Protein backbone atom coordinates (compact mmCIF):
# COMPACT_ATOMS: atom_id res chain seq x y z
CA UNK A 1 20.07 140.92 111.33
CA UNK A 2 19.18 140.25 107.71
CA UNK A 3 15.45 139.56 108.13
CA UNK A 4 15.50 136.55 105.83
CA UNK A 5 12.08 135.51 107.12
CA UNK A 6 10.46 132.11 107.01
CA UNK A 7 10.84 131.76 103.22
CA UNK A 8 14.55 132.51 103.37
CA UNK A 9 15.04 130.09 106.26
CA UNK A 10 13.16 127.39 104.34
CA UNK A 11 15.26 127.96 101.21
CA UNK A 12 18.46 127.88 103.27
CA UNK A 13 17.38 124.69 105.04
CA UNK A 14 16.49 122.99 101.74
CA UNK A 15 19.83 123.91 100.20
CA UNK A 16 21.86 122.84 103.22
CA UNK A 17 19.81 119.69 103.71
CA UNK A 18 20.86 118.48 100.26
CA UNK A 19 24.53 119.27 100.77
CA UNK A 20 26.15 116.27 102.45
CA UNK A 21 29.62 117.61 101.62
CA UNK A 22 28.87 121.07 103.05
CA UNK A 23 31.60 122.13 105.51
CA UNK A 24 29.33 124.59 107.36
CA UNK A 25 29.91 124.31 111.12
CA UNK A 26 28.04 127.37 112.44
CA UNK A 27 24.78 128.92 111.32
CA UNK A 28 23.79 132.17 113.00
CA UNK A 29 20.25 133.33 112.30
CA UNK A 30 19.71 135.61 115.31
CA UNK A 31 16.82 138.09 114.79
CA UNK A 32 15.86 137.09 111.26
CA UNK A 33 12.08 136.66 111.61
CA UNK A 34 12.34 132.91 111.02
CA UNK A 35 9.02 132.16 112.73
CA UNK A 36 7.34 128.76 112.95
CA UNK A 37 7.46 128.00 109.23
CA UNK A 38 11.18 128.64 109.03
CA UNK A 39 11.76 126.69 112.24
CA UNK A 40 9.88 123.70 110.81
CA UNK A 41 12.10 123.75 107.72
CA UNK A 42 15.25 124.11 109.82
CA UNK A 43 14.13 121.25 112.05
CA UNK A 44 13.89 118.97 109.01
CA UNK A 45 17.43 119.94 108.01
CA UNK A 46 18.70 119.31 111.55
CA UNK A 47 16.94 115.94 111.70
CA UNK A 48 18.49 114.80 108.40
CA UNK A 49 21.91 115.02 110.08
CA UNK A 50 23.67 115.34 106.70
CA UNK A 51 25.86 118.40 107.26
CA UNK A 52 28.58 118.96 109.84
CA UNK A 53 26.62 121.74 111.58
CA UNK A 54 27.79 121.98 115.20
CA UNK A 55 26.25 125.32 116.21
CA UNK A 56 22.84 126.80 115.43
CA UNK A 57 21.87 130.21 116.79
CA UNK A 58 18.17 131.06 116.60
CA UNK A 59 17.52 133.68 119.28
CA UNK A 60 15.02 136.47 118.63
CA UNK A 61 13.10 134.83 115.77
CA UNK A 62 9.47 134.84 116.97
CA UNK A 63 9.36 131.05 116.93
CA UNK A 64 6.22 129.72 118.58
CA UNK A 65 5.41 126.42 120.24
CA UNK A 66 5.03 124.53 116.97
CA UNK A 67 8.48 125.52 115.72
CA UNK A 68 10.14 125.03 119.11
CA UNK A 69 8.69 121.53 119.49
CA UNK A 70 9.82 120.58 115.96
CA UNK A 71 13.33 121.86 116.64
CA UNK A 72 13.53 120.02 119.95
CA UNK A 73 12.37 116.77 118.31
CA UNK A 74 14.96 117.13 115.55
CA UNK A 75 17.77 117.20 118.10
CA UNK A 76 17.02 113.59 119.02
CA UNK A 77 17.98 112.53 115.49
CA UNK A 78 21.07 114.70 115.12
CA UNK A 79 24.44 113.47 116.34
CA UNK A 80 26.50 116.46 115.19
CA UNK A 81 24.77 119.54 116.58
CA UNK A 82 26.37 120.18 119.95
CA UNK A 83 25.88 123.86 120.73
CA UNK A 84 22.96 126.09 120.03
CA UNK A 85 21.75 129.35 121.46
CA UNK A 86 18.00 129.11 121.39
CA UNK A 87 17.12 131.29 124.34
CA UNK A 88 14.72 134.08 123.51
CA UNK A 89 13.49 132.29 120.35
CA UNK A 90 9.95 133.41 121.18
CA UNK A 91 10.78 137.13 120.83
């Protein structure tokens, strides 16, 4: 746990979203206080489908309905993300 918070998650998502050559395959953000704002930013990155991200772990981040819905919607536009552990995202 690094407690990057919503601002850190947004900065990470913006950086990764602009990196089409980024080799990152797994992003583990378990228990980092991402919240809805961070989840919204991450959902935009996921939806862009630019990086090779195959696994996204978001458990224990106090993500509410707004963030969860945005993340779920982004999966419909992503052809690379195959595995993600999103249980307990509301904690």
